[in-house]
């Protein structure tokens, strides 16, 4: 069911606590930051990732658990982002940060057993792609945008999540290229 958009609502603690979808989409309150909510949400996601990683440890079972967390997190996030966007009456509100949280979990999981400096580099690269929206990230960001006043539907919830998935992919590609360059290039590995 699509909901017609009227005057946008401001996110706040009352909305955060009014429904589990809002708690999720607003990143347990990190999205309520008046300054750079996407960055605050990403940093919160990094902190939560480290906590979960300490509980899960490393190895095959941990990887399977992370894969399940990310799969369920995508679906729950799509629902939560859609519901919260409808409640705020904005198709892609800045206060929704579940997309950043989910995407940084994906990046950090794929990066693997990096120390805090490697994780910080991954977080910084992700923030660049998410905030600056170069090339494919800008395309993904515009894919599900609505003209002002149009009803917010499930496509907009998907769009909230999708551009961060693309930003995560760009981050991982950049980090992979950095590793290749640092190790002497593609031909170094092929010729040795």
N, C-alpha and C. Protein backbone atom coordinates (compact mmCIF):
# COMPACT_ATOMS: atom_id res chain seq x y z
N UNK A 1 0.84 -1.18 0.00
CA UNK A 1 0.00 0.00 0.00
C UNK A 1 0.88 1.23 0.00
N UNK A 2 0.65 2.15 -0.94
CA UNK A 2 1.40 3.39 -0.99
C UNK A 2 0.69 4.43 -0.13
N UNK A 3 1.49 5.31 0.44
CA UNK A 3 0.96 6.35 1.30
C UNK A 3 1.28 7.70 0.66
N UNK A 4 0.27 8.56 0.52
CA UNK A 4 0.51 9.88 -0.03
C UNK A 4 1.34 10.70 0.94
N UNK A 5 2.21 11.51 0.38
CA UNK A 5 3.11 12.33 1.17
C UNK A 5 2.44 13.67 1.42
N UNK A 6 2.44 14.09 2.68
CA UNK A 6 2.00 15.45 3.00
C UNK A 6 3.20 16.15 3.60
N UNK A 7 3.00 17.01 4.57
CA UNK A 7 4.11 17.75 5.16
C UNK A 7 5.06 16.79 5.87
N UNK A 8 6.37 16.93 5.62
CA UNK A 8 7.34 16.06 6.29
C UNK A 8 7.32 16.24 7.80
N UNK A 9 7.61 15.14 8.51
CA UNK A 9 7.72 15.16 9.97
C UNK A 9 9.18 15.18 10.34
N UNK A 10 9.48 15.75 11.48
CA UNK A 10 10.85 15.74 12.00
C UNK A 10 11.03 14.48 12.84
N UNK A 11 12.15 13.80 12.65
CA UNK A 11 12.40 12.62 13.49
C UNK A 11 12.77 13.04 14.90
N UNK A 12 12.39 12.25 15.86
CA UNK A 12 12.73 12.53 17.24
C UNK A 12 12.61 11.28 18.09
N UNK A 13 12.89 11.42 19.37
CA UNK A 13 12.86 10.29 20.28
C UNK A 13 11.47 9.66 20.33
N UNK A 14 10.45 10.48 20.27
CA UNK A 14 9.08 9.95 20.30
C UNK A 14 8.83 8.99 19.13
N UNK A 15 9.24 9.40 17.94
CA UNK A 15 9.10 8.52 16.77
C UNK A 15 9.98 7.29 16.93
N UNK A 16 11.22 7.47 17.36
CA UNK A 16 12.17 6.37 17.55
C UNK A 16 11.58 5.26 18.40
N UNK A 17 10.91 5.64 19.48
CA UNK A 17 10.37 4.68 20.45
C UNK A 17 8.96 4.19 20.11
N UNK A 18 8.36 4.73 19.05
CA UNK A 18 6.97 4.41 18.76
C UNK A 18 6.76 3.08 18.02
N UNK A 19 7.81 2.55 17.40
CA UNK A 19 7.64 1.32 16.63
C UNK A 19 9.02 0.68 16.42
N UNK A 20 9.11 -0.65 16.45
CA UNK A 20 10.41 -1.31 16.22
C UNK A 20 11.05 -0.93 14.87
N UNK A 21 10.24 -0.71 13.85
CA UNK A 21 10.78 -0.32 12.54
C UNK A 21 11.54 0.99 12.64
N UNK A 22 11.03 1.91 13.42
CA UNK A 22 11.70 3.21 13.57
C UNK A 22 13.00 3.06 14.35
N UNK A 23 12.99 2.21 15.38
CA UNK A 23 14.19 1.95 16.16
C UNK A 23 15.30 1.41 15.25
N UNK A 24 14.92 0.49 14.37
CA UNK A 24 15.88 -0.11 13.44
C UNK A 24 16.35 0.93 12.41
N UNK A 25 15.40 1.53 11.71
CA UNK A 25 15.75 2.46 10.63
C UNK A 25 16.55 3.66 11.12
N UNK A 26 16.25 4.12 12.31
CA UNK A 26 16.96 5.28 12.87
C UNK A 26 18.21 4.87 13.63
N UNK A 27 18.62 3.62 13.48
CA UNK A 27 19.88 3.15 14.04
C UNK A 27 19.97 3.30 15.54
N UNK A 28 18.92 2.88 16.26
CA UNK A 28 18.88 2.96 17.72
C UNK A 28 19.10 4.39 18.21
N UNK A 29 18.76 5.35 17.38
CA UNK A 29 18.89 6.76 17.75
C UNK A 29 20.07 7.46 17.10
N UNK A 30 20.99 6.73 16.50
CA UNK A 30 22.16 7.37 15.89
C UNK A 30 21.76 8.28 14.72
N UNK A 31 20.66 7.97 14.06
CA UNK A 31 20.18 8.79 12.96
C UNK A 31 19.56 10.10 13.40
N UNK A 32 19.35 10.25 14.70
CA UNK A 32 18.79 11.50 15.22
C UNK A 32 19.85 12.58 15.41
N UNK A 33 21.10 12.25 15.13
CA UNK A 33 22.17 13.24 15.26
C UNK A 33 21.86 14.46 14.40
N UNK A 34 21.97 15.67 14.97
CA UNK A 34 21.69 16.86 14.17
C UNK A 34 22.80 17.17 13.16
N UNK A 35 23.97 16.55 13.34
CA UNK A 35 25.10 16.77 12.44
C UNK A 35 25.51 15.42 11.86
N UNK A 36 25.55 15.33 10.55
CA UNK A 36 26.03 14.16 9.82
C UNK A 36 25.45 12.84 10.32
N UNK A 37 24.13 12.68 10.28
CA UNK A 37 23.54 11.44 10.78
C UNK A 37 24.05 10.19 10.04
N UNK A 38 24.37 10.31 8.75
CA UNK A 38 24.89 9.16 8.02
C UNK A 38 26.25 8.72 8.55
N UNK A 39 27.07 9.67 8.89
CA UNK A 39 28.38 9.36 9.47
C UNK A 39 28.23 8.78 10.87
N UNK A 40 27.35 9.37 11.66
CA UNK A 40 27.11 8.86 13.01
C UNK A 40 26.55 7.44 12.95
N UNK A 41 25.62 7.21 12.02
CA UNK A 41 25.07 5.87 11.84
C UNK A 41 26.13 4.87 11.41
N UNK A 42 27.02 5.29 10.52
CA UNK A 42 28.11 4.41 10.09
C UNK A 42 29.03 4.07 11.25
N UNK A 43 29.37 5.08 12.06
CA UNK A 43 30.24 4.83 13.22
C UNK A 43 29.56 3.91 14.23
N UNK A 44 28.25 4.10 14.42
CA UNK A 44 27.49 3.21 15.30
C UNK A 44 27.52 1.78 14.73
N UNK A 45 27.34 1.66 13.42
CA UNK A 45 27.40 0.36 12.77
C UNK A 45 28.76 -0.30 12.96
N UNK A 46 29.83 0.48 12.88
CA UNK A 46 31.18 -0.05 13.09
C UNK A 46 31.32 -0.58 14.51
N UNK A 47 30.86 0.20 15.48
CA UNK A 47 30.94 -0.21 16.88
C UNK A 47 30.15 -1.51 17.11
N UNK A 48 28.96 -1.59 16.56
CA UNK A 48 28.13 -2.79 16.72
C UNK A 48 28.78 -3.98 16.01
N UNK A 49 29.37 -3.75 14.83
CA UNK A 49 30.07 -4.81 14.13
C UNK A 49 31.18 -5.41 14.99
N UNK A 50 31.99 -4.53 15.60
CA UNK A 50 33.10 -4.99 16.45
C UNK A 50 32.56 -5.81 17.62
N UNK A 51 31.46 -5.36 18.23
CA UNK A 51 30.88 -6.09 19.35
C UNK A 51 30.38 -7.46 18.91
N UNK A 52 29.67 -7.52 17.78
CA UNK A 52 29.16 -8.79 17.29
C UNK A 52 30.31 -9.71 16.89
N UNK A 53 31.33 -9.13 16.25
CA UNK A 53 32.48 -9.93 15.82
C UNK A 53 33.19 -10.56 17.02
N UNK A 54 33.27 -9.85 18.12
CA UNK A 54 33.90 -10.41 19.33
C UNK A 54 33.11 -11.61 19.86
N UNK A 55 31.81 -11.54 19.75
CA UNK A 55 30.97 -12.65 20.20
C UNK A 55 31.08 -13.84 19.23
N UNK A 56 31.03 -13.55 17.93
CA UNK A 56 31.04 -14.62 16.92
C UNK A 56 32.42 -15.20 16.68
N UNK A 57 33.45 -14.38 16.83
CA UNK A 57 34.80 -14.84 16.53
C UNK A 57 35.05 -14.87 15.04
N UNK A 58 35.98 -15.71 14.62
CA UNK A 58 36.36 -15.85 13.21
C UNK A 58 36.08 -17.27 12.76
N UNK A 59 36.14 -17.48 11.46
CA UNK A 59 36.00 -18.82 10.93
C UNK A 59 34.72 -19.04 10.15
N UNK A 60 34.56 -20.28 9.72
CA UNK A 60 33.43 -20.64 8.86
C UNK A 60 32.08 -20.40 9.51
N UNK A 61 31.93 -20.81 10.76
CA UNK A 61 30.64 -20.62 11.44
C UNK A 61 30.32 -19.13 11.60
N UNK A 62 31.32 -18.34 11.93
CA UNK A 62 31.12 -16.89 12.05
C UNK A 62 30.71 -16.30 10.70
N UNK A 63 31.35 -16.75 9.62
CA UNK A 63 31.00 -16.26 8.28
C UNK A 63 29.57 -16.63 7.91
N UNK A 64 29.16 -17.83 8.23
CA UNK A 64 27.78 -18.24 7.94
C UNK A 64 26.78 -17.41 8.74
N UNK A 65 27.14 -17.13 9.99
CA UNK A 65 26.26 -16.31 10.82
C UNK A 65 26.18 -14.89 10.27
N UNK A 66 27.34 -14.33 9.86
CA UNK A 66 27.32 -12.98 9.28
C UNK A 66 26.49 -12.95 8.00
N UNK A 67 26.63 -13.97 7.17
CA UNK A 67 25.84 -14.03 5.93
C UNK A 67 24.34 -14.02 6.26
N UNK A 68 23.95 -14.76 7.29
CA UNK A 68 22.54 -14.79 7.71
C UNK A 68 22.12 -13.43 8.27
N UNK A 69 22.97 -12.83 9.09
CA UNK A 69 22.67 -11.50 9.65
C UNK A 69 22.45 -10.50 8.52
N UNK A 70 23.33 -10.53 7.52
CA UNK A 70 23.22 -9.58 6.41
C UNK A 70 21.98 -9.85 5.55
N UNK A 71 21.66 -11.10 5.31
CA UNK A 71 20.47 -11.43 4.51
C UNK A 71 19.19 -10.99 5.23
N UNK A 72 19.09 -11.34 6.50
CA UNK A 72 17.91 -10.93 7.28
C UNK A 72 17.90 -9.41 7.46
N UNK A 73 19.08 -8.84 7.70
CA UNK A 73 19.20 -7.40 7.87
C UNK A 73 18.75 -6.61 6.65
N UNK A 74 19.01 -7.17 5.46
CA UNK A 74 18.56 -6.51 4.23
C UNK A 74 17.04 -6.46 4.18
N UNK A 75 16.40 -7.61 4.43
CA UNK A 75 14.94 -7.68 4.36
C UNK A 75 14.27 -6.86 5.46
N UNK A 76 14.75 -7.00 6.68
CA UNK A 76 14.19 -6.23 7.79
C UNK A 76 14.45 -4.73 7.56
N UNK A 77 15.64 -4.42 7.06
CA UNK A 77 15.96 -3.01 6.79
C UNK A 77 15.08 -2.42 5.72
N UNK A 78 14.80 -3.17 4.68
CA UNK A 78 13.91 -2.70 3.62
C UNK A 78 12.55 -2.35 4.20
N UNK A 79 12.02 -3.25 5.03
CA UNK A 79 10.73 -3.02 5.68
C UNK A 79 10.80 -1.80 6.62
N UNK A 80 11.83 -1.75 7.46
CA UNK A 80 11.94 -0.68 8.45
C UNK A 80 12.15 0.68 7.78
N UNK A 81 12.98 0.71 6.74
CA UNK A 81 13.22 1.97 6.04
C UNK A 81 11.97 2.47 5.33
N UNK A 82 11.23 1.55 4.72
CA UNK A 82 9.98 1.92 4.06
C UNK A 82 8.98 2.48 5.07
N UNK A 83 8.79 1.75 6.15
CA UNK A 83 7.81 2.18 7.16
C UNK A 83 8.19 3.53 7.78
N UNK A 84 9.48 3.72 8.05
CA UNK A 84 9.93 4.97 8.67
C UNK A 84 9.87 6.13 7.68
N UNK A 85 10.21 5.90 6.42
CA UNK A 85 10.08 6.95 5.40
C UNK A 85 8.63 7.39 5.28
N UNK A 86 7.72 6.42 5.33
CA UNK A 86 6.29 6.77 5.28
C UNK A 86 5.89 7.58 6.50
N UNK A 87 6.38 7.18 7.68
CA UNK A 87 6.03 7.92 8.90
C UNK A 87 6.58 9.34 8.88
N UNK A 88 7.78 9.50 8.33
CA UNK A 88 8.39 10.83 8.25
C UNK A 88 7.87 11.62 7.05
N UNK A 89 7.19 10.92 6.14
CA UNK A 89 6.62 11.51 4.94
C UNK A 89 7.68 12.15 4.05
N UNK A 90 8.84 11.45 4.00
CA UNK A 90 9.97 11.84 3.15
C UNK A 90 10.48 10.54 2.52
N UNK A 91 10.70 10.55 1.21
CA UNK A 91 11.08 9.32 0.50
C UNK A 91 12.45 8.78 0.93
N UNK A 92 13.40 9.63 1.27
CA UNK A 92 14.74 9.17 1.68
C UNK A 92 15.29 10.12 2.74
N UNK A 93 14.74 10.05 3.96
CA UNK A 93 15.18 10.98 5.00
C UNK A 93 16.60 10.68 5.48
N UNK A 94 17.34 11.73 5.76
CA UNK A 94 18.71 11.58 6.25
C UNK A 94 18.79 10.87 7.59
N UNK A 95 17.74 10.93 8.38
CA UNK A 95 17.74 10.29 9.70
C UNK A 95 17.72 8.76 9.62
N UNK A 96 17.28 8.23 8.49
CA UNK A 96 17.30 6.78 8.32
C UNK A 96 18.74 6.38 8.05
N UNK A 97 19.31 5.58 8.96
CA UNK A 97 20.72 5.19 8.85
C UNK A 97 20.92 3.68 8.84
N UNK A 98 19.83 2.91 8.85
CA UNK A 98 20.01 1.46 8.80
C UNK A 98 20.79 1.07 7.55
N UNK A 99 20.57 1.79 6.45
CA UNK A 99 21.27 1.49 5.21
C UNK A 99 22.78 1.63 5.38
N UNK A 100 23.23 2.66 6.09
CA UNK A 100 24.67 2.81 6.37
C UNK A 100 25.16 1.71 7.31
N UNK A 101 24.38 1.40 8.32
CA UNK A 101 24.77 0.35 9.27
C UNK A 101 24.92 -0.98 8.55
N UNK A 102 23.93 -1.35 7.77
CA UNK A 102 23.97 -2.61 7.06
C UNK A 102 25.15 -2.65 6.09
N UNK A 103 25.35 -1.56 5.35
CA UNK A 103 26.42 -1.53 4.35
C UNK A 103 27.81 -1.59 4.99
N UNK A 104 28.00 -0.92 6.12
CA UNK A 104 29.33 -0.99 6.75
C UNK A 104 29.57 -2.37 7.33
N UNK A 105 28.53 -3.03 7.80
CA UNK A 105 28.69 -4.43 8.24
C UNK A 105 29.16 -5.29 7.08
N UNK A 106 28.55 -5.10 5.90
CA UNK A 106 28.95 -5.86 4.72
C UNK A 106 30.42 -5.60 4.39
N UNK A 107 30.80 -4.34 4.35
CA UNK A 107 32.18 -3.97 4.01
C UNK A 107 33.16 -4.59 5.01
N UNK A 108 32.89 -4.41 6.29
CA UNK A 108 33.82 -4.90 7.31
C UNK A 108 33.89 -6.43 7.33
N UNK A 109 32.77 -7.08 7.06
CA UNK A 109 32.77 -8.55 7.00
C UNK A 109 33.63 -9.04 5.82
N UNK A 110 33.46 -8.41 4.66
CA UNK A 110 34.23 -8.83 3.49
C UNK A 110 35.71 -8.50 3.67
N UNK A 111 36.02 -7.35 4.27
CA UNK A 111 37.42 -6.98 4.52
C UNK A 111 38.08 -8.03 5.41
N UNK A 112 37.34 -8.59 6.33
CA UNK A 112 37.87 -9.68 7.16
C UNK A 112 38.65 -9.21 8.36
N UNK A 113 39.65 -9.97 8.70
CA UNK A 113 40.38 -9.75 9.96
C UNK A 113 41.35 -8.58 9.85
N UNK A 114 40.83 -7.41 9.63
CA UNK A 114 41.66 -6.19 9.59
C UNK A 114 41.75 -5.62 11.00
N UNK A 115 42.88 -4.97 11.29
CA UNK A 115 42.99 -4.28 12.57
C UNK A 115 42.16 -3.00 12.52
N UNK A 116 42.19 -2.24 13.60
CA UNK A 116 41.34 -1.04 13.67
C UNK A 116 41.71 -0.03 12.58
N UNK A 117 42.99 0.03 12.18
CA UNK A 117 43.40 0.98 11.14
C UNK A 117 42.82 0.57 9.79
N UNK A 118 42.84 -0.72 9.50
CA UNK A 118 42.24 -1.21 8.26
C UNK A 118 40.74 -0.98 8.24
N UNK A 119 40.10 -1.22 9.38
CA UNK A 119 38.67 -0.97 9.47
C UNK A 119 38.37 0.52 9.32
N UNK A 120 39.19 1.38 9.92
CA UNK A 120 39.00 2.83 9.81
C UNK A 120 39.13 3.27 8.36
N UNK A 121 40.08 2.70 7.63
CA UNK A 121 40.23 3.01 6.22
C UNK A 121 38.99 2.58 5.43
N UNK A 122 38.47 1.41 5.74
CA UNK A 122 37.26 0.92 5.07
C UNK A 122 36.07 1.83 5.38
N UNK A 123 35.96 2.26 6.64
CA UNK A 123 34.86 3.16 7.03
C UNK A 123 35.00 4.49 6.30
N UNK A 124 36.20 5.05 6.24
CA UNK A 124 36.42 6.33 5.56
C UNK A 124 36.10 6.21 4.07
N UNK A 125 36.54 5.13 3.44
CA UNK A 125 36.25 4.94 2.02
C UNK A 125 34.74 4.82 1.78
N UNK A 126 34.08 4.06 2.65
CA UNK A 126 32.62 3.93 2.51
C UNK A 126 31.94 5.28 2.67
N UNK A 127 32.36 6.06 3.66
CA UNK A 127 31.73 7.37 3.87
C UNK A 127 31.93 8.26 2.65
N UNK A 128 33.11 8.18 2.03
CA UNK A 128 33.33 8.96 0.81
C UNK A 128 32.30 8.58 -0.26
N UNK A 129 32.20 7.29 -0.55
CA UNK A 129 31.28 6.86 -1.60
C UNK A 129 29.83 7.16 -1.25
N UNK A 130 29.45 7.00 0.01
CA UNK A 130 28.07 7.24 0.41
C UNK A 130 27.72 8.72 0.39
N UNK A 131 28.65 9.56 0.81
CA UNK A 131 28.36 11.00 0.89
C UNK A 131 28.55 11.72 -0.45
N UNK A 132 29.66 11.44 -1.14
CA UNK A 132 29.95 12.14 -2.40
C UNK A 132 29.13 11.57 -3.56
N UNK A 133 28.75 10.32 -3.46
CA UNK A 133 27.94 9.64 -4.47
C UNK A 133 28.50 9.77 -5.89
N UNK A 134 29.75 9.35 -6.09
CA UNK A 134 30.30 9.40 -7.45
C UNK A 134 29.70 8.31 -8.33
N UNK A 135 29.62 8.57 -9.61
CA UNK A 135 29.25 7.59 -10.64
C UNK A 135 28.12 6.65 -10.32
N UNK A 136 28.43 5.38 -10.12
CA UNK A 136 27.37 4.38 -9.93
C UNK A 136 26.54 4.61 -8.66
N UNK A 137 27.12 5.24 -7.66
CA UNK A 137 26.36 5.49 -6.43
C UNK A 137 25.29 6.55 -6.69
N UNK A 138 25.63 7.58 -7.48
CA UNK A 138 24.64 8.60 -7.85
C UNK A 138 23.53 7.99 -8.68
N UNK A 139 23.89 7.09 -9.61
CA UNK A 139 22.89 6.41 -10.41
C UNK A 139 21.94 5.62 -9.50
N UNK A 140 22.51 4.85 -8.57
CA UNK A 140 21.69 4.03 -7.66
C UNK A 140 20.82 4.91 -6.78
N UNK A 141 21.35 6.05 -6.35
CA UNK A 141 20.61 6.96 -5.48
C UNK A 141 19.38 7.54 -6.19
N UNK A 142 19.48 7.77 -7.47
CA UNK A 142 18.38 8.37 -8.23
C UNK A 142 17.38 7.35 -8.77
N UNK A 143 17.75 6.08 -8.74
CA UNK A 143 16.95 5.04 -9.37
C UNK A 143 15.52 4.95 -8.83
N UNK A 144 15.35 5.14 -7.53
CA UNK A 144 14.04 4.98 -6.92
C UNK A 144 13.47 6.28 -6.35
N UNK A 145 14.05 7.42 -6.75
CA UNK A 145 13.57 8.71 -6.25
C UNK A 145 12.19 9.02 -6.81
N UNK A 146 11.43 9.75 -6.01
CA UNK A 146 10.07 10.14 -6.40
C UNK A 146 9.99 11.65 -6.59
N UNK A 147 9.13 12.07 -7.49
CA UNK A 147 8.83 13.50 -7.52
C UNK A 147 8.14 13.89 -6.21
N UNK A 148 8.37 15.10 -5.76
CA UNK A 148 7.78 15.59 -4.51
C UNK A 148 6.27 15.39 -4.52
N UNK A 149 5.75 14.90 -3.40
CA UNK A 149 4.32 14.72 -3.24
C UNK A 149 3.78 13.37 -3.69
N UNK A 150 4.62 12.53 -4.28
CA UNK A 150 4.19 11.21 -4.72
C UNK A 150 4.16 10.25 -3.53
N UNK A 151 3.35 9.19 -3.61
CA UNK A 151 3.27 8.25 -2.50
C UNK A 151 4.57 7.46 -2.31
N UNK A 152 4.93 7.23 -1.06
CA UNK A 152 6.12 6.47 -0.71
C UNK A 152 5.73 5.00 -0.64
N UNK A 153 6.39 4.19 -1.47
CA UNK A 153 6.09 2.77 -1.52
C UNK A 153 7.32 1.93 -1.20
N UNK A 154 7.18 0.63 -1.45
CA UNK A 154 8.26 -0.30 -1.16
C UNK A 154 9.50 -0.03 -2.01
N UNK A 155 9.31 0.52 -3.20
CA UNK A 155 10.46 0.83 -4.05
C UNK A 155 11.36 1.87 -3.39
N UNK A 156 10.79 2.81 -2.66
CA UNK A 156 11.62 3.82 -2.00
C UNK A 156 12.40 3.20 -0.84
N UNK A 157 11.81 2.26 -0.11
CA UNK A 157 12.56 1.56 0.93
C UNK A 157 13.72 0.78 0.33
N UNK A 158 13.47 0.15 -0.82
CA UNK A 158 14.54 -0.55 -1.53
C UNK A 158 15.60 0.44 -1.98
N UNK A 159 15.19 1.58 -2.48
CA UNK A 159 16.13 2.60 -2.93
C UNK A 159 17.02 3.13 -1.80
N UNK A 160 16.44 3.27 -0.61
CA UNK A 160 17.22 3.72 0.55
C UNK A 160 18.36 2.75 0.79
N UNK A 161 18.08 1.46 0.69
CA UNK A 161 19.09 0.43 0.92
C UNK A 161 20.04 0.27 -0.27
N UNK A 162 19.53 0.40 -1.49
CA UNK A 162 20.28 0.03 -2.68
C UNK A 162 21.50 0.92 -2.92
N UNK A 163 21.36 2.23 -2.76
CA UNK A 163 22.52 3.08 -3.05
C UNK A 163 23.67 2.80 -2.07
N UNK A 164 23.34 2.38 -0.85
CA UNK A 164 24.40 2.04 0.10
C UNK A 164 25.04 0.69 -0.24
N UNK A 165 24.26 -0.22 -0.82
CA UNK A 165 24.83 -1.46 -1.32
C UNK A 165 25.84 -1.16 -2.43
N UNK A 166 25.50 -0.24 -3.32
CA UNK A 166 26.42 0.14 -4.40
C UNK A 166 27.63 0.86 -3.83
N UNK A 167 27.43 1.73 -2.84
CA UNK A 167 28.57 2.41 -2.19
C UNK A 167 29.49 1.39 -1.52
N UNK A 168 28.91 0.36 -0.91
CA UNK A 168 29.71 -0.71 -0.29
C UNK A 168 30.50 -1.45 -1.37
N UNK A 169 29.87 -1.74 -2.50
CA UNK A 169 30.57 -2.41 -3.60
C UNK A 169 31.72 -1.58 -4.13
N UNK A 170 31.50 -0.28 -4.29
CA UNK A 170 32.57 0.61 -4.74
C UNK A 170 33.71 0.66 -3.72
N UNK A 171 33.35 0.68 -2.44
CA UNK A 171 34.36 0.67 -1.39
C UNK A 171 35.21 -0.58 -1.47
N UNK A 172 34.56 -1.72 -1.60
CA UNK A 172 35.29 -2.99 -1.67
C UNK A 172 36.16 -3.07 -2.92
N UNK A 173 35.68 -2.54 -4.03
CA UNK A 173 36.48 -2.52 -5.25
C UNK A 173 37.72 -1.64 -5.06
N UNK A 174 37.54 -0.47 -4.48
CA UNK A 174 38.67 0.42 -4.22
C UNK A 174 39.69 -0.24 -3.30
N UNK A 175 39.22 -0.87 -2.24
CA UNK A 175 40.13 -1.53 -1.30
C UNK A 175 40.86 -2.71 -1.98
N UNK A 176 40.17 -3.44 -2.83
CA UNK A 176 40.81 -4.54 -3.55
C UNK A 176 41.88 -4.02 -4.50
N UNK A 177 41.58 -2.92 -5.19
CA UNK A 177 42.58 -2.32 -6.08
C UNK A 177 43.78 -1.81 -5.29
N UNK A 178 43.54 -1.26 -4.12
CA UNK A 178 44.64 -0.79 -3.27
C UNK A 178 45.54 -1.95 -2.87
N UNK A 179 44.96 -3.09 -2.56
CA UNK A 179 45.76 -4.27 -2.20
C UNK A 179 46.58 -4.73 -3.39
N UNK A 180 45.97 -4.76 -4.59
CA UNK A 180 46.68 -5.18 -5.80
C UNK A 180 47.87 -4.25 -6.06
N UNK A 181 47.64 -2.95 -5.97
CA UNK A 181 48.72 -1.98 -6.21
C UNK A 181 49.82 -2.15 -5.16
N UNK A 182 49.43 -2.30 -3.92
CA UNK A 182 50.41 -2.43 -2.84
C UNK A 182 51.27 -3.69 -3.02
N UNK A 183 50.70 -4.73 -3.59
CA UNK A 183 51.42 -5.98 -3.77
C UNK A 183 52.18 -6.02 -5.09
N UNK A 184 52.23 -4.90 -5.80
CA UNK A 184 53.02 -4.84 -7.03
C UNK A 184 52.23 -4.98 -8.30
N UNK A 185 50.92 -4.94 -8.23
CA UNK A 185 50.09 -5.00 -9.42
C UNK A 185 49.63 -6.40 -9.76
N UNK A 186 48.74 -6.47 -10.70
CA UNK A 186 48.16 -7.76 -11.11
C UNK A 186 49.23 -8.67 -11.69
N UNK A 187 50.13 -8.13 -12.51
CA UNK A 187 51.15 -8.95 -13.16
C UNK A 187 52.13 -9.54 -12.15
N UNK A 188 52.35 -8.88 -11.01
CA UNK A 188 53.26 -9.42 -9.99
C UNK A 188 52.78 -10.76 -9.49
N UNK A 189 51.50 -10.90 -9.26
CA UNK A 189 50.93 -12.16 -8.80
C UNK A 189 50.93 -13.22 -9.88
N UNK A 190 50.74 -12.81 -11.14
CA UNK A 190 50.68 -13.76 -12.24
C UNK A 190 52.05 -14.27 -12.65
N UNK A 191 53.09 -13.45 -12.48
CA UNK A 191 54.42 -13.82 -12.92
C UNK A 191 55.25 -14.50 -11.85
N UNK A 192 54.82 -14.52 -10.63
CA UNK A 192 55.64 -15.13 -9.57
C UNK A 192 55.38 -16.59 -9.39
